[in-house]
Amino acid sequence: MSWEYFILFAIAALVCWALGAFAAWKGTKTGWAYGFTFLGLAIFFSFIIGMWISLERPPMRTMGETRLWYSFFLPLAGLITYARWKYKWILSFSCILSLVFICINIFKPEIHNKTLMPALQSFWFVPHVTVYMFSYSVLGCAFIIALCGLVHHKEEYLVTADNLVYSGVAFLSIGMLLGSLWAKEAWGNYWSWDPKETWAVVTWMGYLLYIHLRLRRKFRKKMLYVILIFSFLALQMCWYGVNYLPSAQQSVHLYNRNN
């Protein structure tokens, strides 16, 4: 599967997700919302599988390839949230967020080759990246809920954010554990306080702070939503923002090379 076909698969998937979001927003035909969203996921995932076969390696090495997975998992997390809490607008927001990352991939294409450096030729590579991207997407939905909560001040939004954060942090913790096992195998140390690892801890602690304060039930909802928003911004810094820091240019985690 050549990267040149990405825009075709992306447009087809986005159309399906948009139709699913519209059906959910109307609130009369939930079956169409599920059906169109699943169809979009199938179309997008077929491109990922095609890239995997074409590259003869998991499409997870470059930043653009991780954006592929994030664009896929966002509508999936949105669908899970919709199925559980029936927020008719959640599929619209997840579709828009996915559109943003798809557009970045379209307007900032990368060179995708078969090269896979030795550190990435590990059993832990695929589960670590997959679990992390799924956790990022679930926490992305929590971010959307937090923004809505700041505007509408509904208690139900905070309860929904709780469940999304609990699930997202669980997967995030599993991803960190898998990453530590991978680091031990690749570099001989479970943890080295590399810039990316440091921001991973900052992100993790931000969400743990939210959970701790939420369980104490002594903080205003507005403050809790703000913590969620800043934690998500820290997550974005951990994912790709850290790559632009001078201190990270020699990072062992910097695989986003277009050569």
C-alpha atoms as a PDB file:
ATOM      1  CA  MET A   1       0.000   0.000   0.000  1.00  0.00           C
ATOM      2  CA  SER A   2       1.568   3.291  -1.103  1.00  0.00           C
ATOM      3  CA  TRP A   3       1.262   6.439   1.019  1.00  0.00           C
ATOM      4  CA  GLU A   4      -0.179   8.244  -2.004  1.00  0.00           C
ATOM      5  CA  TYR A   5      -3.441   6.359  -1.398  1.00  0.00           C
ATOM      6  CA  PHE A   6      -3.755   7.682   2.160  1.00  0.00           C
ATOM      7  CA  ILE A   7      -5.855  10.695   1.200  1.00  0.00           C
ATOM      8  CA  LEU A   8      -8.430   8.461  -0.520  1.00  0.00           C
ATOM      9  CA  PHE A   9      -8.810   6.151   2.458  1.00  0.00           C
ATOM     10  CA  ALA A  10      -8.808   9.134   4.832  1.00  0.00           C
ATOM     11  CA  ILE A  11     -11.573  10.952   2.952  1.00  0.00           C
ATOM     12  CA  ALA A  12     -13.703   7.804   2.766  1.00  0.00           C
ATOM     13  CA  ALA A  13     -13.250   7.155   6.494  1.00  0.00           C
ATOM     14  CA  LEU A  14     -13.953  10.786   7.419  1.00  0.00           C
ATOM     15  CA  VAL A  15     -17.151  10.796   5.364  1.00  0.00           C
ATOM     16  CA  CYS A  16     -18.331   7.688   7.224  1.00  0.00           C
ATOM     17  CA  TRP A  17     -17.391   9.172  10.599  1.00  0.00           C
ATOM     18  CA  ALA A  18     -19.144  12.425   9.738  1.00  0.00           C
ATOM     19  CA  LEU A  19     -22.299  10.541   8.741  1.00  0.00           C
ATOM     20  CA  GLY A  20     -22.116   8.546  11.972  1.00  0.00           C
ATOM     21  CA  ALA A  21     -21.666  11.752  13.953  1.00  0.00           C
ATOM     22  CA  PHE A  22     -24.659  13.316  12.181  1.00  0.00           C
ATOM     23  CA  ALA A  23     -26.824  10.285  12.941  1.00  0.00           C
ATOM     24  CA  ALA A  24     -25.763  10.417  16.589  1.00  0.00           C
ATOM     25  CA  TRP A  25     -26.450  14.154  16.747  1.00  0.00           C
ATOM     26  CA  LYS A  26     -29.962  13.668  15.374  1.00  0.00           C
ATOM     27  CA  GLY A  27     -30.469  11.053  18.066  1.00  0.00           C
ATOM     28  CA  THR A  28     -33.130   9.108  16.193  1.00  0.00           C
ATOM     29  CA  LYS A  29     -31.121   6.367  14.459  1.00  0.00           C
ATOM     30  CA  THR A  30     -28.336   5.177  16.732  1.00  0.00           C
ATOM     31  CA  GLY A  31     -27.865   2.098  14.552  1.00  0.00           C
ATOM     32  CA  TRP A  32     -26.682   4.332  11.708  1.00  0.00           C
ATOM     33  CA  ALA A  33     -24.260   6.051  14.070  1.00  0.00           C
ATOM     34  CA  TYR A  34     -22.699   2.724  15.002  1.00  0.00           C
ATOM     35  CA  GLY A  35     -22.745   1.408  11.452  1.00  0.00           C
ATOM     36  CA  PHE A  36     -21.128   4.399   9.752  1.00  0.00           C
ATOM     37  CA  THR A  37     -18.513   4.771  12.475  1.00  0.00           C
ATOM     38  CA  PHE A  38     -17.580   1.099  12.290  1.00  0.00           C
ATOM     39  CA  LEU A  39     -17.386   1.313   8.499  1.00  0.00           C
ATOM     40  CA  GLY A  40     -15.050   4.312   8.737  1.00  0.00           C
ATOM     41  CA  LEU A  41     -12.883   2.448  11.229  1.00  0.00           C
ATOM     42  CA  ALA A  42     -12.717  -0.574   8.917  1.00  0.00           C
ATOM     43  CA  ILE A  43     -11.707   1.584   5.939  1.00  0.00           C
ATOM     44  CA  PHE A  44      -9.018   3.427   7.888  1.00  0.00           C
ATOM     45  CA  PHE A  45      -7.672   0.265   9.502  1.00  0.00           C
ATOM     46  CA  SER A  46      -7.441  -1.426   6.102  1.00  0.00           C
ATOM     47  CA  PHE A  47      -5.006   1.305   5.038  1.00  0.00           C
ATOM     48  CA  ILE A  48      -2.934   0.751   8.188  1.00  0.00           C
ATOM     49  CA  ILE A  49      -2.784  -2.980   7.460  1.00  0.00           C
ATOM     50  CA  GLY A  50      -1.862  -2.244   3.839  1.00  0.00           C
ATOM     51  CA  MET A  51       0.980   0.012   5.010  1.00  0.00           C
ATOM     52  CA  TRP A  52       2.130  -2.683   7.427  1.00  0.00           C
ATOM     53  CA  ILE A  53       2.315  -5.219   4.617  1.00  0.00           C
ATOM     54  CA  SER A  54       3.955  -2.797   2.198  1.00  0.00           C
ATOM     55  CA  LEU A  55       6.592  -1.592   4.655  1.00  0.00           C
ATOM     56  CA  GLU A  56       7.169  -5.097   6.008  1.00  0.00           C
ATOM     57  CA  ARG A  57       7.208  -3.591   9.490  1.00  0.00           C
ATOM     58  CA  PRO A  58       4.682  -2.063  11.896  1.00  0.00           C
ATOM     59  CA  PRO A  59       3.753   1.476  10.745  1.00  0.00           C
ATOM     60  CA  MET A  60       4.689   2.945  14.114  1.00  0.00           C
ATOM     61  CA  ARG A  61       8.209   4.295  13.628  1.00  0.00           C
ATOM     62  CA  THR A  62       7.668   7.921  12.571  1.00  0.00           C
ATOM     63  CA  MET A  63       5.492  10.601  14.094  1.00  0.00           C
ATOM     64  CA  GLY A  64       3.237  10.485  11.036  1.00  0.00           C
ATOM     65  CA  GLU A  65       2.717   6.771  11.513  1.00  0.00           C
ATOM     66  CA  THR A  66       1.745   7.212  15.163  1.00  0.00           C
ATOM     67  CA  ARG A  67      -0.696   9.903  14.024  1.00  0.00           C
ATOM     68  CA  LEU A  68      -2.270   7.214  11.841  1.00  0.00           C
ATOM     69  CA  TRP A  69      -3.016   5.135  14.909  1.00  0.00           C
ATOM     70  CA  TYR A  70      -4.240   8.129  16.887  1.00  0.00           C
ATOM     71  CA  SER A  71      -6.570   9.136  14.031  1.00  0.00           C
ATOM     72  CA  PHE A  72      -7.932   5.586  14.104  1.00  0.00           C
ATOM     73  CA  PHE A  73      -8.332   5.261  17.871  1.00  0.00           C
ATOM     74  CA  LEU A  74     -10.037   8.646  18.379  1.00  0.00           C
ATOM     75  CA  PRO A  75     -13.316   7.673  16.649  1.00  0.00           C
ATOM     76  CA  LEU A  76     -13.117   4.288  18.371  1.00  0.00           C
ATOM     77  CA  ALA A  77     -12.819   5.952  21.798  1.00  0.00           C
ATOM     78  CA  GLY A  78     -15.603   8.345  20.807  1.00  0.00           C
ATOM     79  CA  LEU A  79     -17.815   5.413  19.834  1.00  0.00           C
ATOM     80  CA  ILE A  80     -17.146   3.677  23.148  1.00  0.00           C
ATOM     81  CA  THR A  81     -18.038   6.888  25.001  1.00  0.00           C
ATOM     82  CA  TYR A  82     -21.179   7.308  22.900  1.00  0.00           C
ATOM     83  CA  ALA A  83     -22.242   3.708  23.473  1.00  0.00           C
ATOM     84  CA  ARG A  84     -21.812   4.058  27.238  1.00  0.00           C
ATOM     85  CA  TRP A  85     -23.122   7.590  27.941  1.00  0.00           C
ATOM     86  CA  LYS A  86     -25.057   8.484  24.793  1.00  0.00           C
ATOM     87  CA  TYR A  87     -23.600  11.986  24.418  1.00  0.00           C
ATOM     88  CA  LYS A  88     -24.911  12.811  20.977  1.00  0.00           C
ATOM     89  CA  TRP A  89     -22.071  15.268  20.279  1.00  0.00           C
ATOM     90  CA  ILE A  90     -19.067  13.100  21.236  1.00  0.00           C
ATOM     91  CA  LEU A  91     -18.742  11.484  17.785  1.00  0.00           C
ATOM     92  CA  SER A  92     -18.660  14.935  16.195  1.00  0.00           C
ATOM     93  CA  PHE A  93     -15.789  16.031  18.419  1.00  0.00           C
ATOM     94  CA  SER A  94     -13.820  12.809  17.957  1.00  0.00           C
ATOM     95  CA  CYS A  95     -14.311  13.096  14.192  1.00  0.00           C
ATOM     96  CA  ILE A  96     -13.031  16.692  14.213  1.00  0.00           C
ATOM     97  CA  LEU A  97      -9.968  15.760  16.283  1.00  0.00           C
ATOM     98  CA  SER A  98      -9.239  12.871  13.953  1.00  0.00           C
ATOM     99  CA  LEU A  99      -9.608  15.238  10.992  1.00  0.00           C
ATOM    100  CA  VAL A 100      -6.974  17.532  12.511  1.00  0.00           C
ATOM    101  CA  PHE A 101      -4.382  14.770  12.770  1.00  0.00           C
ATOM    102  CA  ILE A 102      -5.265  13.404   9.340  1.00  0.00           C
ATOM    103  CA  CYS A 103      -4.784  16.870   7.835  1.00  0.00           C
ATOM    104  CA  ILE A 104      -1.376  17.131   9.494  1.00  0.00           C
ATOM    105  CA  ASN A 105      -0.411  13.868   7.836  1.00  0.00           C
ATOM    106  CA  ILE A 106      -1.712  15.053   4.482  1.00  0.00           C
ATOM    107  CA  PHE A 107      -0.046  18.472   4.529  1.00  0.00           C
ATOM    108  CA  LYS A 108       3.121  17.278   6.227  1.00  0.00           C
ATOM    109  CA  PRO A 109       3.836  13.936   4.569  1.00  0.00           C
ATOM    110  CA  GLU A 110       6.819  11.880   5.641  1.00  0.00           C
ATOM    111  CA  ILE A 111       9.115   9.459   3.875  1.00  0.00           C
ATOM    112  CA  HIS A 112       8.013   5.992   4.902  1.00  0.00           C
ATOM    113  CA  ASN A 113      10.614   3.321   4.265  1.00  0.00           C
ATOM    114  CA  LYS A 114      11.281  -0.189   5.480  1.00  0.00           C
ATOM    115  CA  THR A 115      14.105   0.845   7.791  1.00  0.00           C
ATOM    116  CA  LEU A 116      13.647  -0.301  11.374  1.00  0.00           C
ATOM    117  CA  MET A 117      16.572   0.344  13.692  1.00  0.00           C
ATOM    118  CA  PRO A 118      17.661  -2.464  16.041  1.00  0.00           C
ATOM    119  CA  ALA A 119      16.023  -0.948  19.137  1.00  0.00           C
ATOM    120  CA  LEU A 120      12.621  -1.151  17.417  1.00  0.00           C
ATOM    121  CA  GLN A 121      13.058  -4.776  16.379  1.00  0.00           C
ATOM    122  CA  SER A 122      11.583  -5.910  19.651  1.00  0.00           C
ATOM    123  CA  PHE A 123       8.548  -7.854  20.781  1.00  0.00           C
ATOM    124  CA  TRP A 124       7.590  -4.904  23.001  1.00  0.00           C
ATOM    125  CA  PHE A 125       7.462  -2.365  20.146  1.00  0.00           C
ATOM    126  CA  VAL A 126       3.949  -3.053  18.849  1.00  0.00           C
ATOM    127  CA  PRO A 127       2.109  -3.538  22.179  1.00  0.00           C
ATOM    128  CA  HIS A 128       3.814  -0.495  23.722  1.00  0.00           C
ATOM    129  CA  VAL A 129       2.858   1.882  20.894  1.00  0.00           C
ATOM    130  CA  THR A 130      -0.628   0.418  20.427  1.00  0.00           C
ATOM    131  CA  VAL A 131      -1.539   0.620  24.111  1.00  0.00           C
ATOM    132  CA  TYR A 132      -0.137   4.143  24.356  1.00  0.00           C
ATOM    133  CA  MET A 133      -2.062   5.397  21.331  1.00  0.00           C
ATOM    134  CA  PHE A 134      -5.294   3.900  22.644  1.00  0.00           C
ATOM    135  CA  SER A 135      -4.733   5.485  26.058  1.00  0.00           C
ATOM    136  CA  TYR A 136      -4.048   8.824  24.357  1.00  0.00           C
ATOM    137  CA  SER A 137      -7.332   8.590  22.464  1.00  0.00           C
ATOM    138  CA  VAL A 138      -9.359   7.748  25.600  1.00  0.00           C
ATOM    139  CA  LEU A 139      -7.725  10.637  27.454  1.00  0.00           C
ATOM    140  CA  GLY A 140      -8.472  12.776  24.393  1.00  0.00           C
ATOM    141  CA  CYS A 141     -12.167  12.070  24.942  1.00  0.00           C
ATOM    142  CA  ALA A 142     -11.721  13.006  28.610  1.00  0.00           C
ATOM    143  CA  PHE A 143     -10.204  16.282  27.387  1.00  0.00           C
ATOM    144  CA  ILE A 144     -13.281  16.938  25.241  1.00  0.00           C
ATOM    145  CA  ILE A 145     -15.559  16.196  28.217  1.00  0.00           C
ATOM    146  CA  ALA A 146     -13.498  18.580  30.380  1.00  0.00           C
ATOM    147  CA  LEU A 147     -13.897  21.402  27.850  1.00  0.00           C
ATOM    148  CA  CYS A 148     -17.653  20.836  27.723  1.00  0.00           C
ATOM    149  CA  GLY A 149     -17.775  20.658  31.509  1.00  0.00           C
ATOM    150  CA  LEU A 150     -16.155  24.075  31.810  1.00  0.00           C
ATOM    151  CA  VAL A 151     -18.946  25.511  29.689  1.00  0.00           C
ATOM    152  CA  HIS A 152     -22.014  23.642  30.914  1.00  0.00           C
ATOM    153  CA  HIS A 153     -21.074  22.774  34.537  1.00  0.00           C
ATOM    154  CA  LYS A 154     -22.980  19.483  34.531  1.00  0.00           C
ATOM    155  CA  GLU A 155     -22.161  16.902  37.205  1.00  0.00           C
ATOM    156  CA  GLU A 156     -22.660  14.075  34.718  1.00  0.00           C
ATOM    157  CA  TYR A 157     -19.705  15.347  32.677  1.00  0.00           C
ATOM    158  CA  LEU A 158     -17.402  14.969  35.682  1.00  0.00           C
ATOM    159  CA  VAL A 159     -18.619  11.419  36.278  1.00  0.00           C
ATOM    160  CA  THR A 160     -17.966  10.586  32.617  1.00  0.00           C
ATOM    161  CA  ALA A 161     -14.497  12.158  32.787  1.00  0.00           C
ATOM    162  CA  ASP A 162     -13.797  10.017  35.859  1.00  0.00           C
ATOM    163  CA  ASN A 163     -14.462   6.785  33.996  1.00  0.00           C
ATOM    164  CA  LEU A 164     -12.507   7.871  30.930  1.00  0.00           C
ATOM    165  CA  VAL A 165      -9.535   8.980  33.037  1.00  0.00           C
ATOM    166  CA  TYR A 166      -9.545   5.744  35.045  1.00  0.00           C
ATOM    167  CA  SER A 167      -9.511   3.700  31.833  1.00  0.00           C
ATOM    168  CA  GLY A 168      -7.018   5.959  30.082  1.00  0.00           C
ATOM    169  CA  VAL A 169      -4.590   6.012  33.002  1.00  0.00           C
ATOM    170  CA  ALA A 170      -4.842   2.236  33.322  1.00  0.00           C
ATOM    171  CA  PHE A 171      -3.773   1.806  29.687  1.00  0.00           C
ATOM    172  CA  LEU A 172      -1.196   4.583  30.094  1.00  0.00           C
ATOM    173  CA  SER A 173       0.328   2.743  33.057  1.00  0.00           C
ATOM    174  CA  ILE A 174       0.409  -0.520  31.117  1.00  0.00           C
ATOM    175  CA  GLY A 175       2.093   1.315  28.242  1.00  0.00           C
ATOM    176  CA  MET A 176       4.743   2.726  30.591  1.00  0.00           C
ATOM    177  CA  LEU A 177       5.369  -0.743  32.012  1.00  0.00           C
ATOM    178  CA  LEU A 178       5.744  -2.235  28.539  1.00  0.00           C
ATOM    179  CA  GLY A 179       8.057   0.639  27.627  1.00  0.00           C
ATOM    180  CA  SER A 180      10.234  -0.060  30.667  1.00  0.00           C
ATOM    181  CA  LEU A 181      10.546  -3.729  29.715  1.00  0.00           C
ATOM    182  CA  TRP A 182      11.427  -2.672  26.175  1.00  0.00           C
ATOM    183  CA  ALA A 183      14.031  -0.186  27.457  1.00  0.00           C
ATOM    184  CA  LYS A 184      15.648  -2.892  29.599  1.00  0.00           C
ATOM    185  CA  GLU A 185      15.917  -5.159  26.571  1.00  0.00           C
ATOM    186  CA  ALA A 186      17.157  -2.430  24.200  1.00  0.00           C
ATOM    187  CA  TRP A 187      19.416  -0.283  26.389  1.00  0.00           C
ATOM    188  CA  GLY A 188      19.965  -2.241  29.582  1.00  0.00           C
ATOM    189  CA  ASN A 189      17.990   0.117  31.862  1.00  0.00           C
ATOM    190  CA  TYR A 190      14.315   0.201  32.762  1.00  0.00           C
ATOM    191  CA  TRP A 191      14.353   4.001  33.063  1.00  0.00           C
ATOM    192  CA  SER A 192      16.919   6.654  32.169  1.00  0.00           C
ATOM    193  CA  TRP A 193      15.068   9.992  32.664  1.00  0.00           C
ATOM    194  CA  ASP A 194      15.332  10.731  28.980  1.00  0.00           C
ATOM    195  CA  PRO A 195      13.332  13.935  28.125  1.00  0.00           C
ATOM    196  CA  LYS A 196      10.468  11.872  26.714  1.00  0.00           C
ATOM    197  CA  GLU A 197      10.413   9.637  29.773  1.00  0.00           C
ATOM    198  CA  THR A 198      10.421  12.701  32.031  1.00  0.00           C
ATOM    199  CA  TRP A 199       7.392  14.170  30.252  1.00  0.00           C
ATOM    200  CA  ALA A 200       5.694  10.769  30.434  1.00  0.00           C
ATOM    201  CA  VAL A 201       6.008  10.940  34.224  1.00  0.00           C
ATOM    202  CA  VAL A 202       4.735  14.541  34.258  1.00  0.00           C
ATOM    203  CA  THR A 203       1.683  13.441  32.257  1.00  0.00           C
ATOM    204  CA  TRP A 204       1.079  10.395  34.419  1.00  0.00           C
ATOM    205  CA  MET A 205       1.362  12.435  37.636  1.00  0.00           C
ATOM    206  CA  GLY A 206      -1.045  15.042  36.272  1.00  0.00           C
ATOM    207  CA  TYR A 207      -3.762  12.456  35.768  1.00  0.00           C
ATOM    208  CA  LEU A 208      -2.997  10.796  39.106  1.00  0.00           C
ATOM    209  CA  LEU A 209      -3.405  14.212  40.754  1.00  0.00           C
ATOM    210  CA  TYR A 210      -6.846  14.506  39.164  1.00  0.00           C
ATOM    211  CA  ILE A 211      -7.820  11.038  40.401  1.00  0.00           C
ATOM    212  CA  HIS A 212      -6.543  11.791  43.910  1.00  0.00           C
ATOM    213  CA  LEU A 213      -8.375  15.118  44.152  1.00  0.00           C
ATOM    214  CA  ARG A 214     -11.525  13.654  42.649  1.00  0.00           C
ATOM    215  CA  LEU A 215     -11.600  10.855  45.209  1.00  0.00           C
ATOM    216  CA  ARG A 216     -11.196  13.398  48.029  1.00  0.00           C
ATOM    217  CA  ARG A 217     -14.170  15.320  46.599  1.00  0.00           C
ATOM    218  CA  LYS A 218     -12.944  18.599  48.098  1.00  0.00           C
ATOM    219  CA  PHE A 219     -12.129  20.533  44.951  1.00  0.00           C
ATOM    220  CA  ARG A 220     -14.376  22.550  42.699  1.00  0.00           C
ATOM    221  CA  LYS A 221     -15.356  21.005  39.398  1.00  0.00           C
ATOM    222  CA  LYS A 222     -13.796  23.891  37.474  1.00  0.00           C
ATOM    223  CA  MET A 223     -10.367  23.216  39.001  1.00  0.00           C
ATOM    224  CA  LEU A 224     -10.649  19.516  38.206  1.00  0.00           C
ATOM    225  CA  TYR A 225     -11.488  20.264  34.589  1.00  0.00           C
ATOM    226  CA  VAL A 226      -8.504  22.617  34.372  1.00  0.00           C
ATOM    227  CA  ILE A 227      -6.218  19.860  35.695  1.00  0.00           C
ATOM    228  CA  LEU A 228      -7.549  17.515  33.015  1.00  0.00           C
ATOM    229  CA  ILE A 229      -6.927  20.080  30.291  1.00  0.00           C
ATOM    230  CA  PHE A 230      -3.358  20.769  31.412  1.00  0.00           C
ATOM    231  CA  SER A 231      -2.687  17.034  31.770  1.00  0.00           C
ATOM    232  CA  PHE A 232      -3.775  16.532  28.174  1.00  0.00           C
ATOM    233  CA  LEU A 233      -1.499  19.365  27.052  1.00  0.00           C
ATOM    234  CA  ALA A 234       1.350  17.643  28.906  1.00  0.00           C
ATOM    235  CA  LEU A 235       0.425  14.453  27.057  1.00  0.00           C
ATOM    236  CA  GLN A 236       0.780  16.257  23.735  1.00  0.00           C
ATOM    237  CA  MET A 237       4.176  17.532  24.867  1.00  0.00           C
ATOM    238  CA  CYS A 238       5.197  13.994  25.779  1.00  0.00           C
ATOM    239  CA  TRP A 239       4.004  12.591  22.467  1.00  0.00           C
ATOM    240  CA  TYR A 240       5.490  14.995  19.940  1.00  0.00           C
ATOM    241  CA  GLY A 241       6.274  18.365  21.508  1.00  0.00           C
ATOM    242  CA  VAL A 242       9.361  17.015  23.249  1.00  0.00           C
ATOM    243  CA  ASN A 243      10.894  16.238  19.849  1.00  0.00           C
ATOM    244  CA  TYR A 244      11.423  19.960  19.286  1.00  0.00           C
ATOM    245  CA  LEU A 245      13.325  20.536  22.524  1.00  0.00           C
ATOM    246  CA  PRO A 246      17.108  21.003  22.110  1.00  0.00           C
ATOM    247  CA  SER A 247      17.721  18.547  24.936  1.00  0.00           C
ATOM    248  CA  ALA A 248      15.813  15.828  23.060  1.00  0.00           C
ATOM    249  CA  GLN A 249      17.806  15.899  19.830  1.00  0.00           C
ATOM    250  CA  GLN A 250      20.027  13.070  21.064  1.00  0.00           C
ATOM    251  CA  SER A 251      17.171  11.205  22.701  1.00  0.00           C
ATOM    252  CA  VAL A 252      17.072   7.457  22.248  1.00  0.00           C
ATOM    253  CA  HIS A 253      13.313   7.864  21.698  1.00  0.00           C
ATOM    254  CA  LEU A 254      13.677  10.168  18.684  1.00  0.00           C
ATOM    255  CA  TYR A 255      12.763   7.834  15.812  1.00  0.00           C
ATOM    256  CA  ASN A 256      11.002  10.367  13.617  1.00  0.00           C
ATOM    257  CA  ARG A 257      13.726  10.472  10.996  1.00  0.00           C
ATOM    258  CA  ASN A 258      12.831  10.924   7.319  1.00  0.00           C
ATOM    259  CA  ASN A 259      15.852   9.102   5.923  1.00  0.00           C
END
